[in-house]
């Protein structure tokens, strides 16, 4: 007797954007900007030429970042009551113990961490340590990364000293020593973008990223990371509250996000044959920042040598 049964064939449902990995989503979004990769909207500092090649409209969708959920009031209260869990007693700023939460602004920071790639010297003047410890921690990072003064062939920033380019499209300032560089960083990048109002847990990270790729661009990316509307405007109450309410390790989560963007940006250097060099340099900078966040307890503290 003939059978009317027909065998069923398993068919997979097509994937949606939400099913893609975070890395693939970042890649897909950035492909839309490929025609503009060689354009320069502006350059603020000449720390890593080309890092700024995505302008303020950069809006990377990060729906796969499951850790960025808003905590409830009880979790927030518990987190805000955390004090230092680090055995290191010395601090930057000398304002008592480091308070390890997402709310404190202008508090103490842990000392720098020794490492093998960059110099293990504290090269800042110390002027801004009392003004804002998180900025001082950022300046320590910058001077460990940027120690030369001179002109790099092909760099449109011209004379660059301690990461500050003299050309009008860059910082537009000639600096001759670290004290002058500190003042430029403080006025043009820290205060001008209200980074002093951002909680310490993340302000050092945003300052360092902004010095390399433009503070406005960095703030736009950071807002996208927090699932806010992408805008390059200075730090405002909405951004501050998003940081305070962030559930998870905002320091490392942001640097993971930032590192993926830098990897994609570095691909623009393949044609010039410097892709590996640029990528390695940028990623080592991320590692340095990861070890030296304001609230990161050092395993081997690097203290100032007088």
Protein backbone atom coordinates (compact mmCIF):
# COMPACT_ATOMS: atom_id res chain seq x y z
CA UNK A 1 0.00 0.00 0.00
CA UNK A 2 1.58 3.30 -1.00
CA UNK A 3 2.41 5.62 1.85
CA UNK A 4 1.47 9.27 1.90
CA UNK A 5 4.16 9.98 4.50
CA UNK A 6 6.83 12.41 3.37
CA UNK A 7 10.06 12.69 5.36
CA UNK A 8 10.67 15.99 7.10
CA UNK A 9 13.91 17.82 6.53
CA UNK A 10 15.32 19.88 9.37
CA UNK A 11 15.78 23.50 8.39
CA UNK A 12 17.64 26.04 10.49
CA UNK A 13 16.05 29.41 11.04
CA UNK A 14 18.16 32.27 9.61
CA UNK A 15 20.14 34.26 12.13
CA UNK A 16 19.31 37.86 12.93
CA UNK A 17 21.70 40.67 13.83
CA UNK A 18 21.05 39.95 17.49
CA UNK A 19 22.52 36.46 17.07
CA UNK A 20 25.85 37.70 15.79
CA UNK A 21 28.88 38.03 18.03
CA UNK A 22 29.81 41.43 19.41
CA UNK A 23 32.96 41.45 17.26
CA UNK A 24 30.95 40.71 14.08
CA UNK A 25 28.43 43.45 14.88
CA UNK A 26 31.27 45.97 15.39
CA UNK A 27 32.79 44.87 12.08
CA UNK A 28 29.49 45.11 10.16
CA UNK A 29 28.75 48.59 11.44
CA UNK A 30 32.20 49.91 10.67
CA UNK A 31 32.05 48.68 7.08
CA UNK A 32 29.47 51.41 6.46
CA UNK A 33 32.21 53.96 7.13
CA UNK A 34 34.88 52.31 4.96
CA UNK A 35 34.71 55.01 2.22
CA UNK A 36 35.59 57.61 4.85
CA UNK A 37 38.52 55.84 6.51
CA UNK A 38 41.11 58.10 4.91
CA UNK A 39 39.23 61.29 5.78
CA UNK A 40 40.13 63.37 8.82
CA UNK A 41 37.33 65.24 10.50
CA UNK A 42 39.84 66.61 12.97
CA UNK A 43 42.89 65.67 14.96
CA UNK A 44 43.24 66.73 18.56
CA UNK A 45 46.49 65.01 19.51
CA UNK A 46 49.07 63.14 17.46
CA UNK A 47 49.59 60.22 19.83
CA UNK A 48 48.66 57.46 17.43
CA UNK A 49 48.22 58.80 13.88
CA UNK A 50 45.02 57.53 12.31
CA UNK A 51 43.25 56.47 15.49
CA UNK A 52 40.80 59.31 15.04
CA UNK A 53 39.72 58.28 11.53
CA UNK A 54 36.20 57.52 12.65
CA UNK A 55 34.54 60.82 13.52
CA UNK A 56 32.01 61.72 16.19
CA UNK A 57 29.16 60.03 14.35
CA UNK A 58 30.69 56.63 15.22
CA UNK A 59 27.77 54.58 16.53
CA UNK A 60 28.69 50.96 17.00
CA UNK A 61 25.74 48.75 18.00
CA UNK A 62 26.73 46.54 20.92
CA UNK A 63 23.57 44.55 21.56
CA UNK A 64 25.64 41.48 22.36
CA UNK A 65 27.15 43.11 25.40
CA UNK A 66 24.96 41.39 27.96
CA UNK A 67 26.82 42.75 30.97
CA UNK A 68 25.54 46.29 30.54
CA UNK A 69 22.26 46.05 32.46
CA UNK A 70 20.96 48.62 34.87
CA UNK A 71 21.22 47.46 38.47
CA UNK A 72 18.35 47.84 40.91
CA UNK A 73 18.57 50.20 43.88
CA UNK A 74 19.67 47.50 46.33
CA UNK A 75 22.57 46.38 44.17
CA UNK A 76 23.60 49.97 43.59
CA UNK A 77 23.55 50.72 47.31
CA UNK A 78 25.66 47.65 48.06
CA UNK A 79 28.16 48.57 45.36
CA UNK A 80 28.45 52.16 46.58
CA UNK A 81 29.37 50.99 50.06
CA UNK A 82 32.49 49.19 48.87
CA UNK A 83 35.79 50.54 50.17
CA UNK A 84 39.33 49.53 49.36
CA UNK A 85 40.01 45.79 49.16
CA UNK A 86 43.65 46.39 48.21
CA UNK A 87 46.59 45.87 50.57
CA UNK A 88 48.48 48.80 49.03
CA UNK A 89 48.30 51.68 51.50
CA UNK A 90 49.84 54.52 49.47
CA UNK A 91 47.49 56.38 47.14
CA UNK A 92 47.54 59.07 44.49
CA UNK A 93 45.93 62.17 45.91
CA UNK A 94 46.27 61.23 49.56
CA UNK A 95 42.55 61.66 50.19
CA UNK A 96 42.13 58.56 52.30
CA UNK A 97 41.52 55.01 51.05
CA UNK A 98 40.36 54.33 47.51
CA UNK A 99 36.58 53.94 47.41
CA UNK A 100 35.92 51.25 44.81
CA UNK A 101 32.52 52.16 43.40
CA UNK A 102 31.01 53.85 40.35
CA UNK A 103 29.90 57.01 42.14
CA UNK A 104 32.89 58.69 43.74
CA UNK A 105 34.48 61.62 41.91
CA UNK A 106 37.71 63.29 42.94
CA UNK A 107 38.76 60.52 45.33
CA UNK A 108 42.10 58.80 45.74
CA UNK A 109 43.53 56.44 43.11
CA UNK A 110 45.85 53.48 43.48
CA UNK A 111 49.52 53.88 42.47
CA UNK A 112 50.75 52.89 39.02
CA UNK A 113 51.56 49.27 38.11
CA UNK A 114 55.00 48.21 36.95
CA UNK A 115 55.15 46.43 33.61
CA UNK A 116 57.63 45.32 30.98
CA UNK A 117 56.88 47.24 27.78
CA UNK A 118 56.70 50.90 28.87
CA UNK A 119 58.97 52.86 31.18
CA UNK A 120 58.56 52.25 34.89
CA UNK A 121 59.01 55.85 35.95
CA UNK A 122 56.60 58.45 37.24
CA UNK A 123 57.36 61.41 34.96
CA UNK A 124 54.62 63.85 35.94
CA UNK A 125 55.38 67.01 37.91
CA UNK A 126 52.80 66.10 40.56
CA UNK A 127 50.98 69.41 40.09
CA UNK A 128 47.64 67.77 39.30
CA UNK A 129 47.82 65.00 41.89
CA UNK A 130 46.03 67.14 44.47
CA UNK A 131 43.72 68.80 41.94
CA UNK A 132 42.31 65.51 40.62
CA UNK A 133 43.98 62.13 41.30
CA UNK A 134 42.24 60.41 38.36
CA UNK A 135 43.76 62.96 35.98
CA UNK A 136 47.18 62.45 37.57
CA UNK A 137 46.83 58.69 36.97
CA UNK A 138 45.98 59.42 33.34
CA UNK A 139 48.98 61.75 32.94
CA UNK A 140 51.24 59.07 34.37
CA UNK A 141 49.95 56.68 31.67
CA UNK A 142 50.39 59.27 28.91
CA UNK A 143 54.00 60.07 29.82
CA UNK A 144 54.85 56.38 29.99
CA UNK A 145 53.50 56.02 26.43
CA UNK A 146 54.65 59.31 24.97
CA UNK A 147 58.19 60.33 25.79
CA UNK A 148 59.56 61.83 22.58
CA UNK A 149 59.57 65.26 21.01
CA UNK A 150 60.07 65.71 17.28
CA UNK A 151 58.57 65.40 13.82
CA UNK A 152 57.47 62.06 12.40
CA UNK A 153 57.52 61.88 8.57
CA UNK A 154 53.98 61.82 7.23
CA UNK A 155 52.40 62.88 10.51
CA UNK A 156 50.16 65.92 9.84
CA UNK A 157 50.49 67.05 13.46
CA UNK A 158 53.97 68.43 12.83
CA UNK A 159 56.12 69.01 15.89
CA UNK A 160 54.78 66.62 18.52
CA UNK A 161 55.95 66.60 22.10
CA UNK A 162 54.66 64.25 24.81
CA UNK A 163 51.74 63.39 22.52
CA UNK A 164 50.73 66.99 21.76
CA UNK A 165 50.88 68.09 18.11
CA UNK A 166 51.55 71.68 17.11
CA UNK A 167 49.62 71.74 13.81
CA UNK A 168 46.31 73.68 13.79
CA UNK A 169 44.30 70.53 13.07
CA UNK A 170 45.82 68.84 16.10
CA UNK A 171 46.31 70.42 19.52
CA UNK A 172 47.76 73.51 17.84
CA UNK A 173 50.17 74.07 20.71
CA UNK A 174 53.96 73.90 20.95
CA UNK A 175 55.08 72.38 24.22
CA UNK A 176 58.68 72.13 25.34
CA UNK A 177 58.41 70.17 28.56
CA UNK A 178 56.08 67.93 30.55
CA UNK A 179 54.83 70.74 32.77
CA UNK A 180 53.50 72.58 29.70
CA UNK A 181 52.04 69.34 28.34
CA UNK A 182 50.20 68.73 31.61
CA UNK A 183 48.56 72.16 31.41
CA UNK A 184 47.39 71.52 27.84
CA UNK A 185 45.96 68.13 28.76
CA UNK A 186 44.19 69.63 31.76
CA UNK A 187 42.67 72.67 30.04
CA UNK A 188 41.89 71.37 26.54
CA UNK A 189 40.91 67.79 27.26
CA UNK A 190 40.12 67.21 30.93
CA UNK A 191 38.26 70.39 31.87
CA UNK A 192 36.99 71.35 28.40
CA UNK A 193 35.06 68.07 28.14
CA UNK A 194 33.96 67.94 31.81
CA UNK A 195 35.95 64.77 32.45
CA UNK A 196 36.47 66.04 35.99
CA UNK A 197 32.75 65.34 36.60
CA UNK A 198 32.94 61.74 35.43
CA UNK A 199 33.31 59.13 38.22
CA UNK A 200 36.90 58.12 38.95
CA UNK A 201 36.29 54.49 38.04
CA UNK A 202 36.24 55.42 34.33
CA UNK A 203 37.48 59.01 33.92
CA UNK A 204 41.16 58.00 33.65
CA UNK A 205 40.29 55.53 30.87
CA UNK A 206 38.26 58.07 28.89
CA UNK A 207 40.97 60.70 29.25
CA UNK A 208 43.67 58.38 27.86
CA UNK A 209 41.48 57.16 24.98
CA UNK A 210 40.46 60.73 24.18
CA UNK A 211 44.05 61.95 24.13
CA UNK A 212 44.76 59.43 21.40
CA UNK A 213 41.63 59.56 19.28
CA UNK A 214 39.85 62.79 20.14
CA UNK A 215 37.91 63.30 23.36
CA UNK A 216 34.66 64.09 21.56
CA UNK A 217 34.93 60.93 19.47
CA UNK A 218 35.72 58.90 22.56
CA UNK A 219 32.75 60.29 24.49
CA UNK A 220 30.49 59.42 21.54
CA UNK A 221 31.77 55.85 21.52
CA UNK A 222 31.48 55.64 25.30
CA UNK A 223 27.85 56.75 25.16
CA UNK A 224 27.17 54.08 22.54
CA UNK A 225 28.85 51.52 24.82
CA UNK A 226 26.42 52.57 27.57
CA UNK A 227 23.50 52.38 25.10
CA UNK A 228 22.94 56.13 25.19
CA UNK A 229 22.48 58.41 22.21
CA UNK A 230 25.86 58.90 20.53
CA UNK A 231 27.01 62.49 20.88
CA UNK A 232 30.40 64.12 21.29
CA UNK A 233 29.19 66.74 23.76
CA UNK A 234 30.96 67.13 27.13
CA UNK A 235 30.10 64.89 30.07
CA UNK A 236 26.57 65.58 31.29
CA UNK A 237 24.24 64.30 34.01
CA UNK A 238 22.81 61.55 31.79
CA UNK A 239 26.24 60.09 31.16
CA UNK A 240 27.22 60.37 34.82
CA UNK A 241 24.08 58.54 35.94
CA UNK A 242 24.65 55.79 33.37
CA UNK A 243 28.11 55.21 34.84
CA UNK A 244 26.79 55.20 38.40
CA UNK A 245 24.13 52.64 37.50
CA UNK A 246 26.33 50.38 35.39
CA UNK A 247 26.17 46.75 36.47
CA UNK A 248 29.46 45.02 35.95
CA UNK A 249 33.14 45.93 35.66
CA UNK A 250 32.88 49.15 33.67
CA UNK A 251 36.67 49.64 33.55
CA UNK A 252 37.42 46.33 31.85
CA UNK A 253 34.17 46.14 29.87
CA UNK A 254 34.85 49.53 28.28
CA UNK A 255 38.46 48.61 27.47
CA UNK A 256 37.29 45.36 25.84
CA UNK A 257 34.95 47.43 23.68
CA UNK A 258 37.60 50.04 22.92
CA UNK A 259 40.15 47.38 21.96
CA UNK A 260 37.84 45.89 19.32
CA UNK A 261 37.36 49.32 17.73
CA UNK A 262 41.12 49.91 17.68
CA UNK A 263 41.68 46.55 15.99
CA UNK A 264 39.31 47.53 13.19
CA UNK A 265 40.82 50.98 12.84
CA UNK A 266 44.30 49.50 12.55
CA UNK A 267 43.21 47.61 9.42
CA UNK A 268 43.38 50.92 7.53
CA UNK A 269 47.19 50.62 7.78
CA UNK A 270 47.44 47.33 5.90
CA UNK A 271 48.05 49.02 2.58
CA UNK A 272 50.93 50.99 4.07
CA UNK A 273 52.45 47.84 5.55
CA UNK A 274 52.32 49.13 9.11
CA UNK A 275 49.21 47.28 10.29
CA UNK A 276 51.02 44.98 12.71
CA UNK A 277 53.10 47.80 14.17
CA UNK A 278 50.11 50.08 14.67
CA UNK A 279 47.87 47.36 16.08
CA UNK A 280 50.55 46.16 18.50
CA UNK A 281 51.25 49.70 19.72
CA UNK A 282 47.59 50.50 20.30
CA UNK A 283 46.83 47.25 22.04
CA UNK A 284 49.83 47.55 24.34
CA UNK A 285 48.46 50.95 25.25
CA UNK A 286 45.14 49.31 26.14
CA UNK A 287 46.96 46.81 28.34
CA UNK A 288 48.80 49.64 30.10
CA UNK A 289 45.52 51.45 30.75
CA UNK A 290 43.85 48.24 31.92
CA UNK A 291 46.54 47.77 34.58
CA UNK A 292 46.40 51.42 35.65
CA UNK A 293 42.78 52.40 36.12
CA UNK A 294 42.11 54.66 39.10
CA UNK A 295 40.57 51.75 41.05
CA UNK A 296 42.92 48.99 39.86
CA UNK A 297 45.01 47.62 42.72
CA UNK A 298 48.64 47.21 41.58
CA UNK A 299 50.41 43.89 42.12
CA UNK A 300 53.77 45.66 42.00
CA UNK A 301 53.31 49.39 42.65
CA UNK A 302 55.42 51.91 40.79
CA UNK A 303 55.97 54.85 43.10
CA UNK A 304 57.56 58.20 42.37
CA UNK A 305 61.32 58.22 42.83
CA UNK A 306 62.65 61.45 44.26
